[in-house]
């Protein structure tokens, strides 16, 4: 029981994040929101390219000057254009980037549901006694015309 209490206490202390991140952590967080302007597939926080280092330095200077994250990101977007953002803005043309995948999934699911509904077997009409008699008569008749054993089956 004591071990359980200690484990919970350690987890609580370990998962508790400081409400005031360091300047370096905040700089990297903001740099992670923008792309490296010269790299393919890396954020400014991940890249070691000179352009990314310059962006991180600029972010650090602006944080030290007391600017907020939104102001810093807006300045970077003004300098490099909206394509610099890792996640497109959810306004204007950026809405298409967020909405289009959702619409595509909804249309695909609806199409699959329609296809499965069409593939489902339809109700089969009940077999009448006349149908059963016809099948029994056909099975009793010798299809080879009376030649028993000459069909080559065995």
C-alpha atoms as a PDB file:
ATOM      1  CA  UNK A   1       0.000   0.000   0.000  1.00  0.00           C
ATOM      2  CA  UNK A   2       2.873   2.333   0.836  1.00  0.00           C
ATOM      3  CA  UNK A   3       4.460   1.524  -2.526  1.00  0.00           C
ATOM      4  CA  UNK A   4       1.220   2.522  -4.279  1.00  0.00           C
ATOM      5  CA  UNK A   5       1.107   5.865  -2.447  1.00  0.00           C
ATOM      6  CA  UNK A   6       4.755   6.536  -3.318  1.00  0.00           C
ATOM      7  CA  UNK A   7       4.135   5.641  -6.975  1.00  0.00           C
ATOM      8  CA  UNK A   8       1.157   8.009  -7.163  1.00  0.00           C
ATOM      9  CA  UNK A   9       3.160  10.789  -5.526  1.00  0.00           C
ATOM     10  CA  UNK A  10       6.084  10.304  -7.908  1.00  0.00           C
ATOM     11  CA  UNK A  11       3.751  10.310 -10.921  1.00  0.00           C
ATOM     12  CA  UNK A  12       1.979  13.438  -9.695  1.00  0.00           C
ATOM     13  CA  UNK A  13       5.248  15.301  -9.210  1.00  0.00           C
ATOM     14  CA  UNK A  14       6.701  14.003 -12.476  1.00  0.00           C
ATOM     15  CA  UNK A  15       3.705  14.970 -14.581  1.00  0.00           C
ATOM     16  CA  UNK A  16       3.233  18.375 -12.970  1.00  0.00           C
ATOM     17  CA  UNK A  17       4.411  20.949 -15.473  1.00  0.00           C
ATOM     18  CA  UNK A  18       5.647  24.314 -14.451  1.00  0.00           C
ATOM     19  CA  UNK A  19       3.193  27.079 -15.247  1.00  0.00           C
ATOM     20  CA  UNK A  20       6.135  29.244 -16.345  1.00  0.00           C
ATOM     21  CA  UNK A  21       8.187  27.538 -19.054  1.00  0.00           C
ATOM     22  CA  UNK A  22      11.757  28.653 -19.515  1.00  0.00           C
ATOM     23  CA  UNK A  23      12.616  31.173 -22.227  1.00  0.00           C
ATOM     24  CA  UNK A  24      14.346  28.419 -24.218  1.00  0.00           C
ATOM     25  CA  UNK A  25      11.316  26.115 -23.963  1.00  0.00           C
ATOM     26  CA  UNK A  26       8.950  28.886 -25.044  1.00  0.00           C
ATOM     27  CA  UNK A  27      11.247  29.808 -27.941  1.00  0.00           C
ATOM     28  CA  UNK A  28      11.313  26.205 -29.147  1.00  0.00           C
ATOM     29  CA  UNK A  29       7.551  25.911 -28.745  1.00  0.00           C
ATOM     30  CA  UNK A  30       6.920  28.961 -30.933  1.00  0.00           C
ATOM     31  CA  UNK A  31       9.604  27.874 -33.417  1.00  0.00           C
ATOM     32  CA  UNK A  32       7.787  24.552 -33.649  1.00  0.00           C
ATOM     33  CA  UNK A  33       4.718  26.369 -34.953  1.00  0.00           C
ATOM     34  CA  UNK A  34       6.531  27.584 -38.070  1.00  0.00           C
ATOM     35  CA  UNK A  35       8.338  25.758 -40.854  1.00  0.00           C
ATOM     36  CA  UNK A  36      11.964  26.087 -41.723  1.00  0.00           C
ATOM     37  CA  UNK A  37      11.919  28.437 -44.731  1.00  0.00           C
ATOM     38  CA  UNK A  38      14.669  26.509 -46.572  1.00  0.00           C
ATOM     39  CA  UNK A  39      14.216  22.921 -45.338  1.00  0.00           C
ATOM     40  CA  UNK A  40      11.756  20.302 -46.451  1.00  0.00           C
ATOM     41  CA  UNK A  41       9.544  18.853 -43.722  1.00  0.00           C
ATOM     42  CA  UNK A  42      11.214  20.430 -40.679  1.00  0.00           C
ATOM     43  CA  UNK A  43      10.034  23.085 -38.292  1.00  0.00           C
ATOM     44  CA  UNK A  44      12.193  26.015 -37.336  1.00  0.00           C
ATOM     45  CA  UNK A  45      12.664  24.319 -33.957  1.00  0.00           C
ATOM     46  CA  UNK A  46      14.045  21.119 -35.522  1.00  0.00           C
ATOM     47  CA  UNK A  47      16.229  22.576 -38.240  1.00  0.00           C
ATOM     48  CA  UNK A  48      19.812  23.718 -37.864  1.00  0.00           C
ATOM     49  CA  UNK A  49      19.714  25.758 -41.086  1.00  0.00           C
ATOM     50  CA  UNK A  50      20.857  29.398 -40.705  1.00  0.00           C
ATOM     51  CA  UNK A  51      17.363  30.662 -41.556  1.00  0.00           C
ATOM     52  CA  UNK A  52      15.842  28.599 -38.721  1.00  0.00           C
ATOM     53  CA  UNK A  53      18.524  29.711 -36.277  1.00  0.00           C
ATOM     54  CA  UNK A  54      17.721  33.303 -37.239  1.00  0.00           C
ATOM     55  CA  UNK A  55      13.993  32.703 -36.646  1.00  0.00           C
ATOM     56  CA  UNK A  56      14.705  31.178 -33.221  1.00  0.00           C
ATOM     57  CA  UNK A  57      16.968  34.112 -32.304  1.00  0.00           C
ATOM     58  CA  UNK A  58      14.268  36.549 -33.399  1.00  0.00           C
ATOM     59  CA  UNK A  59      11.664  34.687 -31.326  1.00  0.00           C
ATOM     60  CA  UNK A  60      13.949  34.764 -28.273  1.00  0.00           C
ATOM     61  CA  UNK A  61      14.532  38.511 -28.664  1.00  0.00           C
ATOM     62  CA  UNK A  62      10.825  39.214 -29.034  1.00  0.00           C
ATOM     63  CA  UNK A  63       9.976  37.059 -26.002  1.00  0.00           C
ATOM     64  CA  UNK A  64      12.592  38.936 -23.983  1.00  0.00           C
ATOM     65  CA  UNK A  65      10.976  42.191 -25.134  1.00  0.00           C
ATOM     66  CA  UNK A  66       7.663  40.987 -23.685  1.00  0.00           C
ATOM     67  CA  UNK A  67       5.776  40.109 -26.863  1.00  0.00           C
ATOM     68  CA  UNK A  68       3.158  37.376 -26.752  1.00  0.00           C
ATOM     69  CA  UNK A  69       3.169  34.208 -28.854  1.00  0.00           C
ATOM     70  CA  UNK A  70       0.408  35.422 -31.167  1.00  0.00           C
ATOM     71  CA  UNK A  71       2.275  38.674 -31.868  1.00  0.00           C
ATOM     72  CA  UNK A  72       5.499  36.822 -32.634  1.00  0.00           C
ATOM     73  CA  UNK A  73       3.806  34.314 -34.935  1.00  0.00           C
ATOM     74  CA  UNK A  74       1.947  37.136 -36.708  1.00  0.00           C
ATOM     75  CA  UNK A  75       5.254  38.895 -37.328  1.00  0.00           C
ATOM     76  CA  UNK A  76       6.816  35.742 -38.778  1.00  0.00           C
ATOM     77  CA  UNK A  77       3.770  35.207 -41.020  1.00  0.00           C
ATOM     78  CA  UNK A  78       3.982  38.829 -42.164  1.00  0.00           C
ATOM     79  CA  UNK A  79       7.655  38.340 -43.046  1.00  0.00           C
ATOM     80  CA  UNK A  80       7.441  34.904 -44.721  1.00  0.00           C
ATOM     81  CA  UNK A  81       3.781  34.502 -45.706  1.00  0.00           C
ATOM     82  CA  UNK A  82       1.094  32.147 -44.393  1.00  0.00           C
ATOM     83  CA  UNK A  83       2.857  29.118 -45.904  1.00  0.00           C
ATOM     84  CA  UNK A  84       5.427  29.334 -43.082  1.00  0.00           C
ATOM     85  CA  UNK A  85       2.894  27.961 -40.577  1.00  0.00           C
ATOM     86  CA  UNK A  86       3.108  24.259 -39.695  1.00  0.00           C
ATOM     87  CA  UNK A  87      -0.677  24.198 -39.204  1.00  0.00           C
ATOM     88  CA  UNK A  88      -2.688  26.382 -41.571  1.00  0.00           C
ATOM     89  CA  UNK A  89      -4.862  29.058 -40.039  1.00  0.00           C
ATOM     90  CA  UNK A  90      -8.493  28.081 -39.612  1.00  0.00           C
ATOM     91  CA  UNK A  91      -9.742  31.079 -41.575  1.00  0.00           C
ATOM     92  CA  UNK A  92      -9.941  32.052 -45.222  1.00  0.00           C
ATOM     93  CA  UNK A  93      -8.336  29.520 -47.552  1.00  0.00           C
ATOM     94  CA  UNK A  94      -6.922  27.670 -44.536  1.00  0.00           C
ATOM     95  CA  UNK A  95     -10.451  26.499 -43.712  1.00  0.00           C
ATOM     96  CA  UNK A  96     -10.387  24.380 -46.878  1.00  0.00           C
ATOM     97  CA  UNK A  97      -7.330  22.541 -45.567  1.00  0.00           C
ATOM     98  CA  UNK A  98      -9.144  21.713 -42.338  1.00  0.00           C
ATOM     99  CA  UNK A  99     -12.602  21.003 -43.786  1.00  0.00           C
ATOM    100  CA  UNK A 100     -11.722  19.108 -46.976  1.00  0.00           C
ATOM    101  CA  UNK A 101     -10.374  15.954 -45.253  1.00  0.00           C
ATOM    102  CA  UNK A 102     -13.427  15.787 -42.993  1.00  0.00           C
ATOM    103  CA  UNK A 103     -15.766  16.143 -45.974  1.00  0.00           C
ATOM    104  CA  UNK A 104     -13.798  13.481 -47.883  1.00  0.00           C
ATOM    105  CA  UNK A 105     -14.119  11.014 -44.990  1.00  0.00           C
ATOM    106  CA  UNK A 106     -17.859  11.668 -44.623  1.00  0.00           C
ATOM    107  CA  UNK A 107     -18.427  11.180 -48.372  1.00  0.00           C
ATOM    108  CA  UNK A 108     -16.316   8.009 -48.375  1.00  0.00           C
ATOM    109  CA  UNK A 109     -18.231   6.519 -45.425  1.00  0.00           C
ATOM    110  CA  UNK A 110     -21.563   7.413 -47.036  1.00  0.00           C
ATOM    111  CA  UNK A 111     -20.415   5.787 -50.297  1.00  0.00           C
ATOM    112  CA  UNK A 112     -19.372   2.624 -48.491  1.00  0.00           C
ATOM    113  CA  UNK A 113     -22.683   2.462 -46.647  1.00  0.00           C
ATOM    114  CA  UNK A 114     -24.553   2.805 -49.932  1.00  0.00           C
ATOM    115  CA  UNK A 115     -22.404   0.129 -51.581  1.00  0.00           C
ATOM    116  CA  UNK A 116     -22.888  -2.284 -48.669  1.00  0.00           C
ATOM    117  CA  UNK A 117     -26.641  -1.677 -48.726  1.00  0.00           C
ATOM    118  CA  UNK A 118     -26.747  -2.566 -52.426  1.00  0.00           C
ATOM    119  CA  UNK A 119     -24.611  -5.682 -51.947  1.00  0.00           C
ATOM    120  CA  UNK A 120     -26.829  -7.037 -49.219  1.00  0.00           C
ATOM    121  CA  UNK A 121     -28.812 -10.021 -50.519  1.00  0.00           C
ATOM    122  CA  UNK A 122     -32.392  -9.209 -51.389  1.00  0.00           C
ATOM    123  CA  UNK A 123     -35.366 -11.077 -49.990  1.00  0.00           C
ATOM    124  CA  UNK A 124     -35.746 -14.428 -51.789  1.00  0.00           C
ATOM    125  CA  UNK A 125     -39.250 -15.490 -52.757  1.00  0.00           C
ATOM    126  CA  UNK A 126     -40.487 -18.547 -50.863  1.00  0.00           C
ATOM    127  CA  UNK A 127     -40.292 -21.872 -52.683  1.00  0.00           C
ATOM    128  CA  UNK A 128     -43.690 -23.203 -53.686  1.00  0.00           C
ATOM    129  CA  UNK A 129     -44.760 -26.855 -53.685  1.00  0.00           C
ATOM    130  CA  UNK A 130     -44.929 -26.760 -57.486  1.00  0.00           C
ATOM    131  CA  UNK A 131     -41.273 -25.670 -57.573  1.00  0.00           C
ATOM    132  CA  UNK A 132     -40.269 -28.512 -55.237  1.00  0.00           C
ATOM    133  CA  UNK A 133     -42.137 -31.042 -57.356  1.00  0.00           C
ATOM    134  CA  UNK A 134     -40.448 -29.766 -60.517  1.00  0.00           C
ATOM    135  CA  UNK A 135     -36.982 -30.128 -58.943  1.00  0.00           C
ATOM    136  CA  UNK A 136     -37.789 -33.611 -57.605  1.00  0.00           C
ATOM    137  CA  UNK A 137     -39.016 -34.721 -61.066  1.00  0.00           C
ATOM    138  CA  UNK A 138     -35.863 -33.347 -62.711  1.00  0.00           C
ATOM    139  CA  UNK A 139     -33.623 -35.153 -60.215  1.00  0.00           C
ATOM    140  CA  UNK A 140     -35.442 -38.455 -60.713  1.00  0.00           C
ATOM    141  CA  UNK A 141     -35.139 -38.337 -64.493  1.00  0.00           C
ATOM    142  CA  UNK A 142     -31.962 -39.795 -65.922  1.00  0.00           C
ATOM    143  CA  UNK A 143     -30.192 -36.979 -67.811  1.00  0.00           C
ATOM    144  CA  UNK A 144     -28.227 -39.501 -69.961  1.00  0.00           C
ATOM    145  CA  UNK A 145     -31.355 -40.875 -71.585  1.00  0.00           C
ATOM    146  CA  UNK A 146     -31.522 -44.188 -69.771  1.00  0.00           C
ATOM    147  CA  UNK A 147     -27.841 -45.131 -69.963  1.00  0.00           C
ATOM    148  CA  UNK A 148     -26.901 -46.008 -66.402  1.00  0.00           C
ATOM    149  CA  UNK A 149     -23.201 -46.014 -65.598  1.00  0.00           C
ATOM    150  CA  UNK A 150     -22.027 -44.688 -68.979  1.00  0.00           C
ATOM    151  CA  UNK A 151     -21.479 -41.131 -67.909  1.00  0.00           C
ATOM    152  CA  UNK A 152     -17.846 -41.633 -66.922  1.00  0.00           C
ATOM    153  CA  UNK A 153     -18.295 -40.456 -63.343  1.00  0.00           C
ATOM    154  CA  UNK A 154     -16.710 -43.325 -61.646  1.00  0.00           C
END
